[in-house]
Amino acid sequence: LHTTLLIGTVAQYQAIASASSITPLQRIQPVTGALTINTINTPNIFGAELVLLSEGGFVLGTTGNIAVAKITATGDAVMLYFNFRDSKWYPK
């Protein structure tokens, strides 16, 4: 069980499952499973950067708000930047 310090309190560092649409719980987000993620829903508190930590080798697809497809392996960290002009996430 991992913990992290968030705004002065200790909170669970929770993983989310890969799915067609995901909603990260924190800016650095562990993701389990190997399904294709096409849409990333994020609260405004994350700003324009997000890191997805691959715990199962998910794929980023382009049928939603992700601009460039990417295949990950278990253990990869994918930095994504949000472009407010086209409302899409761009993986680095």
C-alpha atoms as a PDB file:
ATOM      1  CA  LEU A   1       0.000   0.000   0.000  1.00  0.00           C
ATOM      2  CA  HIS A   2       1.486   3.317  -1.092  1.00  0.00           C
ATOM      3  CA  THR A   3       0.826   6.710   0.444  1.00  0.00           C
ATOM      4  CA  THR A   4       1.667  10.214  -0.645  1.00  0.00           C
ATOM      5  CA  LEU A   5       1.423  13.638   0.950  1.00  0.00           C
ATOM      6  CA  LEU A   6      -1.334  15.695  -0.656  1.00  0.00           C
ATOM      7  CA  ILE A   7      -1.914  19.237   0.599  1.00  0.00           C
ATOM      8  CA  GLY A   8      -0.823  18.471   4.139  1.00  0.00           C
ATOM      9  CA  THR A   9      -2.641  15.165   4.585  1.00  0.00           C
ATOM     10  CA  VAL A  10      -1.644  11.559   3.953  1.00  0.00           C
ATOM     11  CA  ALA A  11      -3.881   9.969   1.312  1.00  0.00           C
ATOM     12  CA  GLN A  12      -4.026   6.592  -0.404  1.00  0.00           C
ATOM     13  CA  TYR A  13      -2.011   6.382  -3.601  1.00  0.00           C
ATOM     14  CA  GLN A  14      -4.663   4.466  -5.530  1.00  0.00           C
ATOM     15  CA  ALA A  15      -4.285   2.748  -8.879  1.00  0.00           C
ATOM     16  CA  ILE A  16      -7.089   2.851 -11.438  1.00  0.00           C
ATOM     17  CA  ALA A  17      -7.892   0.193 -14.039  1.00  0.00           C
ATOM     18  CA  SER A  18      -7.282   0.827 -17.732  1.00  0.00           C
ATOM     19  CA  ALA A  19     -10.525   1.296 -19.684  1.00  0.00           C
ATOM     20  CA  SER A  20     -11.744   3.171 -22.759  1.00  0.00           C
ATOM     21  CA  SER A  21     -12.285   6.216 -20.543  1.00  0.00           C
ATOM     22  CA  ILE A  22     -10.373   6.889 -17.318  1.00  0.00           C
ATOM     23  CA  THR A  23     -10.563   9.554 -14.635  1.00  0.00           C
ATOM     24  CA  PRO A  24      -7.222   9.911 -12.805  1.00  0.00           C
ATOM     25  CA  LEU A  25      -7.323  10.440  -9.045  1.00  0.00           C
ATOM     26  CA  GLN A  26      -3.947  12.193  -8.806  1.00  0.00           C
ATOM     27  CA  ARG A  27      -1.425  13.871 -11.100  1.00  0.00           C
ATOM     28  CA  ILE A  28       0.904  10.849 -11.004  1.00  0.00           C
ATOM     29  CA  GLN A  29      -1.500   7.973 -11.599  1.00  0.00           C
ATOM     30  CA  PRO A  30      -0.729   4.230 -11.501  1.00  0.00           C
ATOM     31  CA  VAL A  31      -2.846   2.373 -14.101  1.00  0.00           C
ATOM     32  CA  THR A  32      -3.454  -1.394 -13.987  1.00  0.00           C
ATOM     33  CA  GLY A  33      -4.522  -3.643 -16.856  1.00  0.00           C
ATOM     34  CA  ALA A  34      -3.768  -3.762 -20.566  1.00  0.00           C
ATOM     35  CA  LEU A  35      -6.883  -2.198 -22.133  1.00  0.00           C
ATOM     36  CA  THR A  36      -6.793   0.735 -24.566  1.00  0.00           C
ATOM     37  CA  ILE A  37      -7.369   4.180 -23.050  1.00  0.00           C
ATOM     38  CA  ASN A  38      -8.995   6.585 -25.533  1.00  0.00           C
ATOM     39  CA  THR A  39     -10.277   9.352 -23.248  1.00  0.00           C
ATOM     40  CA  ILE A  40      -8.745  10.919 -20.151  1.00  0.00           C
ATOM     41  CA  ASN A  41     -11.160  12.881 -17.961  1.00  0.00           C
ATOM     42  CA  THR A  42      -9.349  15.098 -15.480  1.00  0.00           C
ATOM     43  CA  PRO A  43     -10.395  17.632 -12.885  1.00  0.00           C
ATOM     44  CA  ASN A  44      -9.070  21.169 -13.405  1.00  0.00           C
ATOM     45  CA  ILE A  45      -6.747  20.796 -10.395  1.00  0.00           C
ATOM     46  CA  PHE A  46      -4.249  18.775 -12.466  1.00  0.00           C
ATOM     47  CA  GLY A  47      -3.446  21.601 -14.866  1.00  0.00           C
ATOM     48  CA  ALA A  48      -1.857  20.592 -18.176  1.00  0.00           C
ATOM     49  CA  GLU A  49       0.442  17.724 -17.073  1.00  0.00           C
ATOM     50  CA  LEU A  50      -0.314  14.147 -16.114  1.00  0.00           C
ATOM     51  CA  VAL A  51       1.871  11.075 -15.592  1.00  0.00           C
ATOM     52  CA  LEU A  52       0.421   7.593 -16.114  1.00  0.00           C
ATOM     53  CA  LEU A  53       2.419   4.732 -14.566  1.00  0.00           C
ATOM     54  CA  SER A  54       1.857   1.495 -16.474  1.00  0.00           C
ATOM     55  CA  GLU A  55       1.343  -1.482 -14.178  1.00  0.00           C
ATOM     56  CA  GLY A  56      -0.022  -3.735 -16.925  1.00  0.00           C
ATOM     57  CA  GLY A  57       1.000  -2.456 -20.351  1.00  0.00           C
ATOM     58  CA  PHE A  58      -1.980  -0.313 -21.396  1.00  0.00           C
ATOM     59  CA  VAL A  59      -2.317   1.336 -24.818  1.00  0.00           C
ATOM     60  CA  LEU A  60      -3.189   4.978 -25.541  1.00  0.00           C
ATOM     61  CA  GLY A  61      -5.651   5.183 -28.440  1.00  0.00           C
ATOM     62  CA  THR A  62      -6.811   8.163 -30.476  1.00  0.00           C
ATOM     63  CA  THR A  63     -10.610   7.839 -30.764  1.00  0.00           C
ATOM     64  CA  GLY A  64     -11.135  10.224 -27.808  1.00  0.00           C
ATOM     65  CA  ASN A  65      -9.056  13.118 -26.497  1.00  0.00           C
ATOM     66  CA  ILE A  66      -5.578  11.594 -26.912  1.00  0.00           C
ATOM     67  CA  ALA A  67      -3.698  12.998 -29.904  1.00  0.00           C
ATOM     68  CA  VAL A  68      -1.017  10.343 -30.484  1.00  0.00           C
ATOM     69  CA  ALA A  69      -1.246   6.569 -29.960  1.00  0.00           C
ATOM     70  CA  LYS A  70       1.292   4.912 -27.687  1.00  0.00           C
ATOM     71  CA  ILE A  71       1.870   1.337 -26.517  1.00  0.00           C
ATOM     72  CA  THR A  72       3.282   1.002 -23.010  1.00  0.00           C
ATOM     73  CA  ALA A  73       5.065  -1.839 -21.273  1.00  0.00           C
ATOM     74  CA  THR A  74       4.724  -2.688 -17.609  1.00  0.00           C
ATOM     75  CA  GLY A  75       6.893  -0.238 -15.695  1.00  0.00           C
ATOM     76  CA  ASP A  76       6.687   2.607 -18.240  1.00  0.00           C
ATOM     77  CA  ALA A  77       5.887   6.150 -17.105  1.00  0.00           C
ATOM     78  CA  VAL A  78       4.052   8.230 -19.713  1.00  0.00           C
ATOM     79  CA  MET A  79       4.088  12.014 -19.319  1.00  0.00           C
ATOM     80  CA  LEU A  80       1.132  13.680 -21.041  1.00  0.00           C
ATOM     81  CA  TYR A  81       0.594  17.362 -21.798  1.00  0.00           C
ATOM     82  CA  PHE A  82      -2.855  18.850 -22.417  1.00  0.00           C
ATOM     83  CA  ASN A  83      -3.233  21.221 -25.388  1.00  0.00           C
ATOM     84  CA  PHE A  84      -6.033  23.668 -24.606  1.00  0.00           C
ATOM     85  CA  ARG A  85      -6.324  24.668 -28.288  1.00  0.00           C
ATOM     86  CA  ASP A  86      -7.504  21.233 -29.481  1.00  0.00           C
ATOM     87  CA  SER A  87      -8.510  19.763 -26.077  1.00  0.00           C
ATOM     88  CA  LYS A  88      -6.250  16.726 -26.507  1.00  0.00           C
ATOM     89  CA  TRP A  89      -3.575  14.991 -24.433  1.00  0.00           C
ATOM     90  CA  TYR A  90      -0.136  14.573 -26.048  1.00  0.00           C
ATOM     91  CA  PRO A  91       2.139  11.822 -24.720  1.00  0.00           C
ATOM     92  CA  LYS A  92       5.849  12.582 -24.492  1.00  0.00           C
END
